[in-house]
C-alpha atoms as a PDB file:
ATOM      1  CA  UNK A   1     -33.059  -9.428 -63.779  1.00  0.00           C
ATOM      2  CA  UNK A   2     -32.723  -8.126 -60.226  1.00  0.00           C
ATOM      3  CA  UNK A   3     -34.632  -5.002 -59.312  1.00  0.00           C
ATOM      4  CA  UNK A   4     -32.465  -1.908 -58.883  1.00  0.00           C
ATOM      5  CA  UNK A   5     -31.551  -0.972 -55.333  1.00  0.00           C
ATOM      6  CA  UNK A   6     -32.882   2.249 -53.776  1.00  0.00           C
ATOM      7  CA  UNK A   7     -29.405   3.724 -54.174  1.00  0.00           C
ATOM      8  CA  UNK A   8     -29.372   2.859 -57.895  1.00  0.00           C
ATOM      9  CA  UNK A   9     -32.833   4.379 -58.355  1.00  0.00           C
ATOM     10  CA  UNK A  10     -31.755   7.583 -56.618  1.00  0.00           C
ATOM     11  CA  UNK A  11     -28.627   7.876 -58.769  1.00  0.00           C
ATOM     12  CA  UNK A  12     -30.593   7.313 -61.985  1.00  0.00           C
ATOM     13  CA  UNK A  13     -33.078   9.977 -60.948  1.00  0.00           C
ATOM     14  CA  UNK A  14     -30.252  12.371 -60.127  1.00  0.00           C
ATOM     15  CA  UNK A  15     -28.931  11.955 -63.668  1.00  0.00           C
ATOM     16  CA  UNK A  16     -32.404  12.251 -65.224  1.00  0.00           C
ATOM     17  CA  UNK A  17     -33.327  15.497 -63.485  1.00  0.00           C
ATOM     18  CA  UNK A  18     -29.917  17.058 -64.033  1.00  0.00           C
ATOM     19  CA  UNK A  19     -30.398  16.294 -67.727  1.00  0.00           C
ATOM     20  CA  UNK A  20     -33.614  18.321 -67.926  1.00  0.00           C
ATOM     21  CA  UNK A  21     -32.525  21.209 -65.682  1.00  0.00           C
ATOM     22  CA  UNK A  22     -31.921  23.555 -68.621  1.00  0.00           C
ATOM     23  CA  UNK A  23     -35.380  22.731 -69.966  1.00  0.00           C
ATOM     24  CA  UNK A  24     -36.988  23.627 -66.654  1.00  0.00           C
ATOM     25  CA  UNK A  25     -35.154  26.937 -66.638  1.00  0.00           C
ATOM     26  CA  UNK A  26     -36.208  27.593 -70.254  1.00  0.00           C
ATOM     27  CA  UNK A  27     -39.887  27.060 -69.383  1.00  0.00           C
ATOM     28  CA  UNK A  28     -39.634  28.579 -65.918  1.00  0.00           C
ATOM     29  CA  UNK A  29     -41.731  31.689 -66.461  1.00  0.00           C
ATOM     30  CA  UNK A  30     -44.451  29.728 -68.246  1.00  0.00           C
ATOM     31  CA  UNK A  31     -44.840  27.094 -65.512  1.00  0.00           C
ATOM     32  CA  UNK A  32     -44.496  29.667 -62.759  1.00  0.00           C
ATOM     33  CA  UNK A  33     -47.531  31.401 -64.240  1.00  0.00           C
ATOM     34  CA  UNK A  34     -49.465  28.223 -65.025  1.00  0.00           C
ATOM     35  CA  UNK A  35     -48.868  26.309 -61.785  1.00  0.00           C
ATOM     36  CA  UNK A  36     -48.615  29.142 -59.248  1.00  0.00           C
ATOM     37  CA  UNK A  37     -51.909  28.053 -57.682  1.00  0.00           C
ATOM     38  CA  UNK A  38     -50.276  24.831 -56.478  1.00  0.00           C
ATOM     39  CA  UNK A  39     -47.470  26.743 -54.784  1.00  0.00           C
ATOM     40  CA  UNK A  40     -49.959  29.001 -53.011  1.00  0.00           C
ATOM     41  CA  UNK A  41     -52.075  26.013 -51.961  1.00  0.00           C
ATOM     42  CA  UNK A  42     -49.030  24.278 -50.455  1.00  0.00           C
ATOM     43  CA  UNK A  43     -47.949  27.412 -48.606  1.00  0.00           C
ATOM     44  CA  UNK A  44     -51.474  27.711 -47.206  1.00  0.00           C
ATOM     45  CA  UNK A  45     -51.811  24.035 -46.285  1.00  0.00           C
ATOM     46  CA  UNK A  46     -48.467  24.170 -44.446  1.00  0.00           C
ATOM     47  CA  UNK A  47     -49.754  27.178 -42.473  1.00  0.00           C
ATOM     48  CA  UNK A  48     -46.689  29.261 -43.324  1.00  0.00           C
ATOM     49  CA  UNK A  49     -46.272  32.631 -41.638  1.00  0.00           C
ATOM     50  CA  UNK A  50     -43.617  35.183 -40.791  1.00  0.00           C
ATOM     51  CA  UNK A  51     -40.561  33.921 -38.921  1.00  0.00           C
ATOM     52  CA  UNK A  52     -40.916  30.206 -39.651  1.00  0.00           C
ATOM     53  CA  UNK A  53     -38.105  27.807 -40.506  1.00  0.00           C
ATOM     54  CA  UNK A  54     -39.340  25.816 -43.516  1.00  0.00           C
ATOM     55  CA  UNK A  55     -38.014  22.821 -45.456  1.00  0.00           C
ATOM     56  CA  UNK A  56     -39.041  22.189 -49.067  1.00  0.00           C
ATOM     57  CA  UNK A  57     -38.458  18.652 -50.361  1.00  0.00           C
ATOM     58  CA  UNK A  58     -37.652  18.125 -54.039  1.00  0.00           C
ATOM     59  CA  UNK A  59     -37.337  21.847 -54.770  1.00  0.00           C
ATOM     60  CA  UNK A  60     -36.063  21.439 -58.329  1.00  0.00           C
ATOM     61  CA  UNK A  61     -35.781  24.944 -59.763  1.00  0.00           C
ATOM     62  CA  UNK A  62     -37.405  26.477 -56.700  1.00  0.00           C
ATOM     63  CA  UNK A  63     -41.043  25.399 -56.380  1.00  0.00           C
ATOM     64  CA  UNK A  64     -42.604  26.207 -53.930  1.00  0.00           C
ATOM     65  CA  UNK A  65     -39.528  27.139 -51.883  1.00  0.00           C
ATOM     66  CA  UNK A  66     -39.207  30.650 -53.336  1.00  0.00           C
ATOM     67  CA  UNK A  67     -42.816  31.506 -52.487  1.00  0.00           C
ATOM     68  CA  UNK A  68     -42.258  30.075 -49.012  1.00  0.00           C
ATOM     69  CA  UNK A  69     -39.253  32.376 -48.535  1.00  0.00           C
ATOM     70  CA  UNK A  70     -41.329  35.378 -49.531  1.00  0.00           C
ATOM     71  CA  UNK A  71     -44.059  34.266 -47.118  1.00  0.00           C
ATOM     72  CA  UNK A  72     -41.903  33.721 -44.012  1.00  0.00           C
ATOM     73  CA  UNK A  73     -40.041  36.991 -44.618  1.00  0.00           C
ATOM     74  CA  UNK A  74     -36.598  38.093 -43.452  1.00  0.00           C
ATOM     75  CA  UNK A  75     -37.213  36.837 -39.901  1.00  0.00           C
ATOM     76  CA  UNK A  76     -37.768  33.314 -41.253  1.00  0.00           C
ATOM     77  CA  UNK A  77     -35.760  31.053 -43.519  1.00  0.00           C
ATOM     78  CA  UNK A  78     -36.276  28.289 -46.060  1.00  0.00           C
ATOM     79  CA  UNK A  79     -34.095  25.342 -47.035  1.00  0.00           C
ATOM     80  CA  UNK A  80     -34.746  23.612 -50.336  1.00  0.00           C
ATOM     81  CA  UNK A  81     -33.344  20.143 -50.947  1.00  0.00           C
ATOM     82  CA  UNK A  82     -33.147  18.182 -54.207  1.00  0.00           C
ATOM     83  CA  UNK A  83     -31.102  15.410 -55.808  1.00  0.00           C
ATOM     84  CA  UNK A  84     -30.183  17.406 -58.901  1.00  0.00           C
ATOM     85  CA  UNK A  85     -27.516  20.048 -58.372  1.00  0.00           C
ATOM     86  CA  UNK A  86     -28.135  21.582 -61.791  1.00  0.00           C
ATOM     87  CA  UNK A  87     -31.804  22.128 -60.948  1.00  0.00           C
ATOM     88  CA  UNK A  88     -30.768  23.835 -57.713  1.00  0.00           C
ATOM     89  CA  UNK A  89     -28.322  26.083 -59.561  1.00  0.00           C
ATOM     90  CA  UNK A  90     -31.311  27.446 -61.487  1.00  0.00           C
ATOM     91  CA  UNK A  91     -33.203  27.899 -58.207  1.00  0.00           C
ATOM     92  CA  UNK A  92     -30.297  29.873 -56.749  1.00  0.00           C
ATOM     93  CA  UNK A  93     -30.230  32.184 -59.759  1.00  0.00           C
ATOM     94  CA  UNK A  94     -33.957  32.842 -59.299  1.00  0.00           C
ATOM     95  CA  UNK A  95     -33.506  33.538 -55.587  1.00  0.00           C
ATOM     96  CA  UNK A  96     -30.795  36.057 -56.446  1.00  0.00           C
ATOM     97  CA  UNK A  97     -32.979  37.762 -59.043  1.00  0.00           C
ATOM     98  CA  UNK A  98     -35.781  37.989 -56.471  1.00  0.00           C
ATOM     99  CA  UNK A  99     -33.315  39.419 -53.907  1.00  0.00           C
ATOM    100  CA  UNK A 100     -34.153  36.662 -51.413  1.00  0.00           C
ATOM    101  CA  UNK A 101     -31.446  36.273 -48.766  1.00  0.00           C
ATOM    102  CA  UNK A 102     -33.428  33.962 -46.465  1.00  0.00           C
ATOM    103  CA  UNK A 103     -33.282  30.820 -48.630  1.00  0.00           C
ATOM    104  CA  UNK A 104     -30.606  28.202 -49.248  1.00  0.00           C
ATOM    105  CA  UNK A 105     -30.601  25.179 -51.540  1.00  0.00           C
ATOM    106  CA  UNK A 106     -28.735  21.974 -50.791  1.00  0.00           C
ATOM    107  CA  UNK A 107     -28.242  18.701 -52.657  1.00  0.00           C
ATOM    108  CA  UNK A 108     -29.515  15.635 -50.830  1.00  0.00           C
ATOM    109  CA  UNK A 109     -31.726  12.569 -50.614  1.00  0.00           C
ATOM    110  CA  UNK A 110     -35.147  13.104 -49.038  1.00  0.00           C
ATOM    111  CA  UNK A 111     -35.054   9.673 -47.374  1.00  0.00           C
ATOM    112  CA  UNK A 112     -31.961  10.575 -45.300  1.00  0.00           C
ATOM    113  CA  UNK A 113     -32.414  14.209 -44.321  1.00  0.00           C
ATOM    114  CA  UNK A 114     -29.303  15.819 -42.765  1.00  0.00           C
ATOM    115  CA  UNK A 115     -31.189  17.785 -40.107  1.00  0.00           C
ATOM    116  CA  UNK A 116     -31.696  17.516 -36.366  1.00  0.00           C
ATOM    117  CA  UNK A 117     -34.925  16.221 -34.860  1.00  0.00           C
ATOM    118  CA  UNK A 118     -37.746  18.734 -34.360  1.00  0.00           C
ATOM    119  CA  UNK A 119     -35.883  21.474 -36.213  1.00  0.00           C
ATOM    120  CA  UNK A 120     -38.482  22.770 -38.728  1.00  0.00           C
ATOM    121  CA  UNK A 121     -41.754  24.673 -38.355  1.00  0.00           C
ATOM    122  CA  UNK A 122     -43.245  23.356 -41.631  1.00  0.00           C
ATOM    123  CA  UNK A 123     -42.471  21.144 -44.628  1.00  0.00           C
ATOM    124  CA  UNK A 124     -43.701  21.497 -48.205  1.00  0.00           C
ATOM    125  CA  UNK A 125     -43.169  19.191 -51.164  1.00  0.00           C
ATOM    126  CA  UNK A 126     -44.444  19.366 -54.737  1.00  0.00           C
ATOM    127  CA  UNK A 127     -44.290  16.385 -57.144  1.00  0.00           C
ATOM    128  CA  UNK A 128     -41.435  14.704 -55.278  1.00  0.00           C
ATOM    129  CA  UNK A 129     -42.613  11.914 -52.988  1.00  0.00           C
ATOM    130  CA  UNK A 130     -43.997   9.617 -55.713  1.00  0.00           C
ATOM    131  CA  UNK A 131     -40.529   9.275 -57.250  1.00  0.00           C
ATOM    132  CA  UNK A 132     -38.902   8.020 -54.047  1.00  0.00           C
ATOM    133  CA  UNK A 133     -37.958   4.332 -53.791  1.00  0.00           C
ATOM    134  CA  UNK A 134     -38.743   4.258 -50.042  1.00  0.00           C
ATOM    135  CA  UNK A 135     -41.689   6.581 -49.362  1.00  0.00           C
ATOM    136  CA  UNK A 136     -42.450   5.366 -45.796  1.00  0.00           C
ATOM    137  CA  UNK A 137     -38.813   6.035 -44.887  1.00  0.00           C
ATOM    138  CA  UNK A 138     -39.136   9.586 -46.215  1.00  0.00           C
ATOM    139  CA  UNK A 139     -42.394  10.093 -44.284  1.00  0.00           C
ATOM    140  CA  UNK A 140     -40.659   8.925 -41.106  1.00  0.00           C
ATOM    141  CA  UNK A 141     -37.912  11.473 -41.754  1.00  0.00           C
ATOM    142  CA  UNK A 142     -40.519  14.204 -42.192  1.00  0.00           C
ATOM    143  CA  UNK A 143     -42.056  13.233 -38.847  1.00  0.00           C
ATOM    144  CA  UNK A 144     -38.633  13.223 -37.196  1.00  0.00           C
ATOM    145  CA  UNK A 145     -37.569  16.725 -38.176  1.00  0.00           C
ATOM    146  CA  UNK A 146     -40.893  18.541 -37.693  1.00  0.00           C
ATOM    147  CA  UNK A 147     -41.554  20.351 -34.437  1.00  0.00           C
ATOM    148  CA  UNK A 148     -44.724  19.466 -32.489  1.00  0.00           C
ATOM    149  CA  UNK A 149     -47.938  21.112 -33.646  1.00  0.00           C
ATOM    150  CA  UNK A 150     -46.648  21.896 -37.153  1.00  0.00           C
ATOM    151  CA  UNK A 151     -47.741  20.917 -40.655  1.00  0.00           C
ATOM    152  CA  UNK A 152     -46.555  19.131 -43.758  1.00  0.00           C
ATOM    153  CA  UNK A 153     -48.198  19.826 -47.124  1.00  0.00           C
ATOM    154  CA  UNK A 154     -47.644  17.668 -50.203  1.00  0.00           C
ATOM    155  CA  UNK A 155     -48.759  17.603 -53.836  1.00  0.00           C
ATOM    156  CA  UNK A 156     -48.644  14.392 -55.914  1.00  0.00           C
ATOM    157  CA  UNK A 157     -50.294  13.461 -59.201  1.00  0.00           C
ATOM    158  CA  UNK A 158     -53.716  11.832 -59.136  1.00  0.00           C
ATOM    159  CA  UNK A 159     -54.975   9.086 -61.489  1.00  0.00           C
ATOM    160  CA  UNK A 160     -53.766   8.930 -65.120  1.00  0.00           C
ATOM    161  CA  UNK A 161     -57.265   9.131 -66.606  1.00  0.00           C
ATOM    162  CA  UNK A 162     -57.784  12.474 -64.866  1.00  0.00           C
ATOM    163  CA  UNK A 163     -54.470  13.827 -66.168  1.00  0.00           C
ATOM    164  CA  UNK A 164     -54.584  14.142 -69.959  1.00  0.00           C
ATOM    165  CA  UNK A 165     -51.692  16.580 -69.617  1.00  0.00           C
ATOM    166  CA  UNK A 166     -49.497  13.620 -68.615  1.00  0.00           C
ATOM    167  CA  UNK A 167     -51.399  10.718 -70.178  1.00  0.00           C
ATOM    168  CA  UNK A 168     -51.477  11.938 -73.790  1.00  0.00           C
ATOM    169  CA  UNK A 169     -47.737  11.437 -74.467  1.00  0.00           C
ATOM    170  CA  UNK A 170     -47.676   8.086 -72.661  1.00  0.00           C
ATOM    171  CA  UNK A 171     -50.600   6.848 -74.768  1.00  0.00           C
ATOM    172  CA  UNK A 172     -48.875   8.138 -77.897  1.00  0.00           C
ATOM    173  CA  UNK A 173     -45.727   6.188 -77.118  1.00  0.00           C
ATOM    174  CA  UNK A 174     -47.745   3.047 -76.340  1.00  0.00           C
ATOM    175  CA  UNK A 175     -48.920   2.998 -79.956  1.00  0.00           C
ATOM    176  CA  UNK A 176     -45.413   1.962 -80.988  1.00  0.00           C
ATOM    177  CA  UNK A 177     -43.777   0.087 -78.116  1.00  0.00           C
ATOM    178  CA  UNK A 178     -45.217  -2.218 -75.510  1.00  0.00           C
ATOM    179  CA  UNK A 179     -44.833  -0.713 -72.079  1.00  0.00           C
ATOM    180  CA  UNK A 180     -45.225  -3.064 -69.116  1.00  0.00           C
ATOM    181  CA  UNK A 181     -47.979  -2.205 -66.638  1.00  0.00           C
ATOM    182  CA  UNK A 182     -46.518   0.111 -63.994  1.00  0.00           C
ATOM    183  CA  UNK A 183     -45.517  -1.569 -60.761  1.00  0.00           C
ATOM    184  CA  UNK A 184     -47.853   0.021 -58.176  1.00  0.00           C
ATOM    185  CA  UNK A 185     -45.058  -0.036 -55.601  1.00  0.00           C
ATOM    186  CA  UNK A 186     -42.280   1.321 -57.855  1.00  0.00           C
ATOM    187  CA  UNK A 187     -41.326   5.005 -58.153  1.00  0.00           C
ATOM    188  CA  UNK A 188     -43.224   6.794 -60.910  1.00  0.00           C
ATOM    189  CA  UNK A 189     -45.463   9.686 -61.877  1.00  0.00           C
ATOM    190  CA  UNK A 190     -48.654   8.044 -60.574  1.00  0.00           C
ATOM    191  CA  UNK A 191     -47.146   6.120 -57.651  1.00  0.00           C
ATOM    192  CA  UNK A 192     -49.272   7.961 -55.046  1.00  0.00           C
ATOM    193  CA  UNK A 193     -52.362   8.550 -57.185  1.00  0.00           C
ATOM    194  CA  UNK A 194     -54.591   6.246 -55.129  1.00  0.00           C
ATOM    195  CA  UNK A 195     -56.817   8.195 -52.705  1.00  0.00           C
ATOM    196  CA  UNK A 196     -55.722   7.792 -49.116  1.00  0.00           C
ATOM    197  CA  UNK A 197     -52.409   6.064 -49.776  1.00  0.00           C
ATOM    198  CA  UNK A 198     -50.061   8.861 -48.753  1.00  0.00           C
ATOM    199  CA  UNK A 199     -52.516   9.920 -46.046  1.00  0.00           C
ATOM    200  CA  UNK A 200     -52.310   6.426 -44.513  1.00  0.00           C
ATOM    201  CA  UNK A 201     -48.512   6.571 -44.481  1.00  0.00           C
ATOM    202  CA  UNK A 202     -48.643   9.903 -42.656  1.00  0.00           C
ATOM    203  CA  UNK A 203     -51.110   8.549 -40.111  1.00  0.00           C
ATOM    204  CA  UNK A 204     -48.887   5.511 -39.543  1.00  0.00           C
ATOM    205  CA  UNK A 205     -45.976   7.902 -38.859  1.00  0.00           C
ATOM    206  CA  UNK A 206     -47.987   9.627 -36.137  1.00  0.00           C
ATOM    207  CA  UNK A 207     -49.570  12.548 -37.977  1.00  0.00           C
ATOM    208  CA  UNK A 208     -53.101  13.713 -37.191  1.00  0.00           C
ATOM    209  CA  UNK A 209     -55.684  15.996 -38.843  1.00  0.00           C
ATOM    210  CA  UNK A 210     -54.797  14.435 -42.184  1.00  0.00           C
ATOM    211  CA  UNK A 211     -56.608  15.773 -45.254  1.00  0.00           C
ATOM    212  CA  UNK A 212     -56.488  14.277 -48.754  1.00  0.00           C
ATOM    213  CA  UNK A 213     -58.221  16.209 -51.519  1.00  0.00           C
ATOM    214  CA  UNK A 214     -58.216  16.002 -55.283  1.00  0.00           C
ATOM    215  CA  UNK A 215     -57.522  19.372 -56.858  1.00  0.00           C
ATOM    216  CA  UNK A 216     -58.677  19.834 -60.470  1.00  0.00           C
ATOM    217  CA  UNK A 217     -57.317  22.397 -62.906  1.00  0.00           C
ATOM    218  CA  UNK A 218     -55.597  22.603 -66.285  1.00  0.00           C
ATOM    219  CA  UNK A 219     -52.370  23.703 -67.943  1.00  0.00           C
ATOM    220  CA  UNK A 220     -52.903  26.120 -70.825  1.00  0.00           C
ATOM    221  CA  UNK A 221     -50.800  26.445 -73.955  1.00  0.00           C
ATOM    222  CA  UNK A 222     -51.188  28.759 -76.939  1.00  0.00           C
ATOM    223  CA  UNK A 223     -50.592  25.838 -79.299  1.00  0.00           C
ATOM    224  CA  UNK A 224     -50.324  22.056 -79.141  1.00  0.00           C
ATOM    225  CA  UNK A 225     -46.793  22.318 -80.539  1.00  0.00           C
ATOM    226  CA  UNK A 226     -45.784  24.303 -77.446  1.00  0.00           C
ATOM    227  CA  UNK A 227     -47.195  21.557 -75.247  1.00  0.00           C
ATOM    228  CA  UNK A 228     -45.138  18.924 -77.050  1.00  0.00           C
ATOM    229  CA  UNK A 229     -41.979  21.021 -76.898  1.00  0.00           C
ATOM    230  CA  UNK A 230     -42.338  21.579 -73.155  1.00  0.00           C
ATOM    231  CA  UNK A 231     -42.740  17.846 -72.533  1.00  0.00           C
ATOM    232  CA  UNK A 232     -39.589  17.034 -74.440  1.00  0.00           C
ATOM    233  CA  UNK A 233     -37.698  19.703 -72.512  1.00  0.00           C
ATOM    234  CA  UNK A 234     -38.775  19.023 -68.909  1.00  0.00           C
ATOM    235  CA  UNK A 235     -40.429  15.601 -68.472  1.00  0.00           C
ATOM    236  CA  UNK A 236     -37.574  13.241 -67.608  1.00  0.00           C
ATOM    237  CA  UNK A 237     -39.784  10.114 -67.223  1.00  0.00           C
ATOM    238  CA  UNK A 238     -41.444  10.760 -70.603  1.00  0.00           C
ATOM    239  CA  UNK A 239     -38.071  11.462 -72.208  1.00  0.00           C
ATOM    240  CA  UNK A 240     -36.929   8.018 -71.063  1.00  0.00           C
ATOM    241  CA  UNK A 241     -39.933   6.380 -72.753  1.00  0.00           C
ATOM    242  CA  UNK A 242     -39.462   8.511 -75.869  1.00  0.00           C
ATOM    243  CA  UNK A 243     -35.927   7.181 -76.248  1.00  0.00           C
ATOM    244  CA  UNK A 244     -37.374   3.704 -76.863  1.00  0.00           C
ATOM    245  CA  UNK A 245     -38.827   4.846 -80.220  1.00  0.00           C
ATOM    246  CA  UNK A 246     -37.042   4.916 -83.566  1.00  0.00           C
ATOM    247  CA  UNK A 247     -36.782   8.310 -85.317  1.00  0.00           C
ATOM    248  CA  UNK A 248     -39.617   7.311 -87.661  1.00  0.00           C
ATOM    249  CA  UNK A 249     -41.794   6.275 -84.711  1.00  0.00           C
ATOM    250  CA  UNK A 250     -40.947   9.497 -82.906  1.00  0.00           C
ATOM    251  CA  UNK A 251     -42.094  11.564 -85.873  1.00  0.00           C
ATOM    252  CA  UNK A 252     -45.436   9.733 -86.036  1.00  0.00           C
ATOM    253  CA  UNK A 253     -45.892   9.757 -82.266  1.00  0.00           C
ATOM    254  CA  UNK A 254     -45.242  13.501 -82.183  1.00  0.00           C
ATOM    255  CA  UNK A 255     -47.945  14.042 -84.795  1.00  0.00           C
ATOM    256  CA  UNK A 256     -50.427  11.929 -82.792  1.00  0.00           C
ATOM    257  CA  UNK A 257     -49.632  13.679 -79.520  1.00  0.00           C
ATOM    258  CA  UNK A 258     -50.070  17.130 -81.062  1.00  0.00           C
ATOM    259  CA  UNK A 259     -53.292  16.067 -82.763  1.00  0.00           C
ATOM    260  CA  UNK A 260     -54.744  14.644 -79.528  1.00  0.00           C
ATOM    261  CA  UNK A 261     -53.734  17.700 -77.514  1.00  0.00           C
ATOM    262  CA  UNK A 262     -55.448  19.854 -80.135  1.00  0.00           C
ATOM    263  CA  UNK A 263     -58.762  18.267 -79.194  1.00  0.00           C
ATOM    264  CA  UNK A 264     -58.574  20.159 -75.885  1.00  0.00           C
ATOM    265  CA  UNK A 265     -58.720  23.576 -77.503  1.00  0.00           C
ATOM    266  CA  UNK A 266     -60.825  25.979 -75.487  1.00  0.00           C
ATOM    267  CA  UNK A 267     -61.156  29.289 -77.265  1.00  0.00           C
ATOM    268  CA  UNK A 268     -57.683  30.661 -77.905  1.00  0.00           C
ATOM    269  CA  UNK A 269     -55.815  28.088 -75.778  1.00  0.00           C
ATOM    270  CA  UNK A 270     -55.159  24.375 -75.413  1.00  0.00           C
ATOM    271  CA  UNK A 271     -56.415  23.595 -71.883  1.00  0.00           C
ATOM    272  CA  UNK A 272     -55.110  20.214 -70.734  1.00  0.00           C
ATOM    273  CA  UNK A 273     -56.772  18.885 -67.552  1.00  0.00           C
ATOM    274  CA  UNK A 274     -54.721  17.963 -64.513  1.00  0.00           C
ATOM    275  CA  UNK A 275     -55.709  16.341 -61.216  1.00  0.00           C
ATOM    276  CA  UNK A 276     -53.448  16.695 -58.193  1.00  0.00           C
ATOM    277  CA  UNK A 277     -53.780  15.076 -54.774  1.00  0.00           C
ATOM    278  CA  UNK A 278     -53.187  17.675 -52.057  1.00  0.00           C
ATOM    279  CA  UNK A 279     -52.341  16.083 -48.722  1.00  0.00           C
ATOM    280  CA  UNK A 280     -51.785  17.973 -45.463  1.00  0.00           C
ATOM    281  CA  UNK A 281     -51.153  16.643 -41.969  1.00  0.00           C
ATOM    282  CA  UNK A 282     -50.220  17.936 -38.510  1.00  0.00           C
ATOM    283  CA  UNK A 283     -47.482  16.636 -36.271  1.00  0.00           C
ATOM    284  CA  UNK A 284     -49.301  16.633 -32.909  1.00  0.00           C
ATOM    285  CA  UNK A 285     -47.970  18.679 -30.021  1.00  0.00           C
END
């Protein structure tokens, strides 16, 4: 069977993320509270300040674009771009509720950005680049549209073994169906988990002052059942694997996932470790 084309991959991802848009909006407040530190880290790494024109790649329901808009203030502006229009509709509702008039959201493909060269003061991107079929092409686009002496800041998932938050459901599903080893060059959750990989792509595109750090934290739930419910609502890649199971297998896998997550209880919460690669780089002047 022939491998899908980049265009086919993009279209499938568009459908996947539109499918889970309502789930992201349902869990929005929870993940805004739990993952806010990543948004603040990206805003800092991109050196955002008042008056800047900022682009956020893969904004989804508004992360970290909304924080960026608050940071650059009314004299600046932010554009968020994402494949999934339904995710962006949620982001627009949040921008309205926050009374932010300096942010716009547009549907588009990160590998073919519809912007002029050297037109942005900074770029942020959270959990987007690893899903792209042509990452070097996207990095070249980032280099093209950034002004000299400006920064890009990116967050991607680190290694599976350091991410029980993501690995637990995958391991649970593997108990019932054989999943092929992930293609290290194919889009996926852990596509850019290897230290230095994204950094090398940025250097090849002409960036300097490249940093690549592993950032450790956790996601905290009141109960393991809440963890499972959130996964089924928002995690499009895991949903796709889940669909391979029969209803009986799903019931048993759910029990195993909840039981395993319960082993991470820390006092009154379930604290599931995460490891994120934070990469920043400067477009030289």
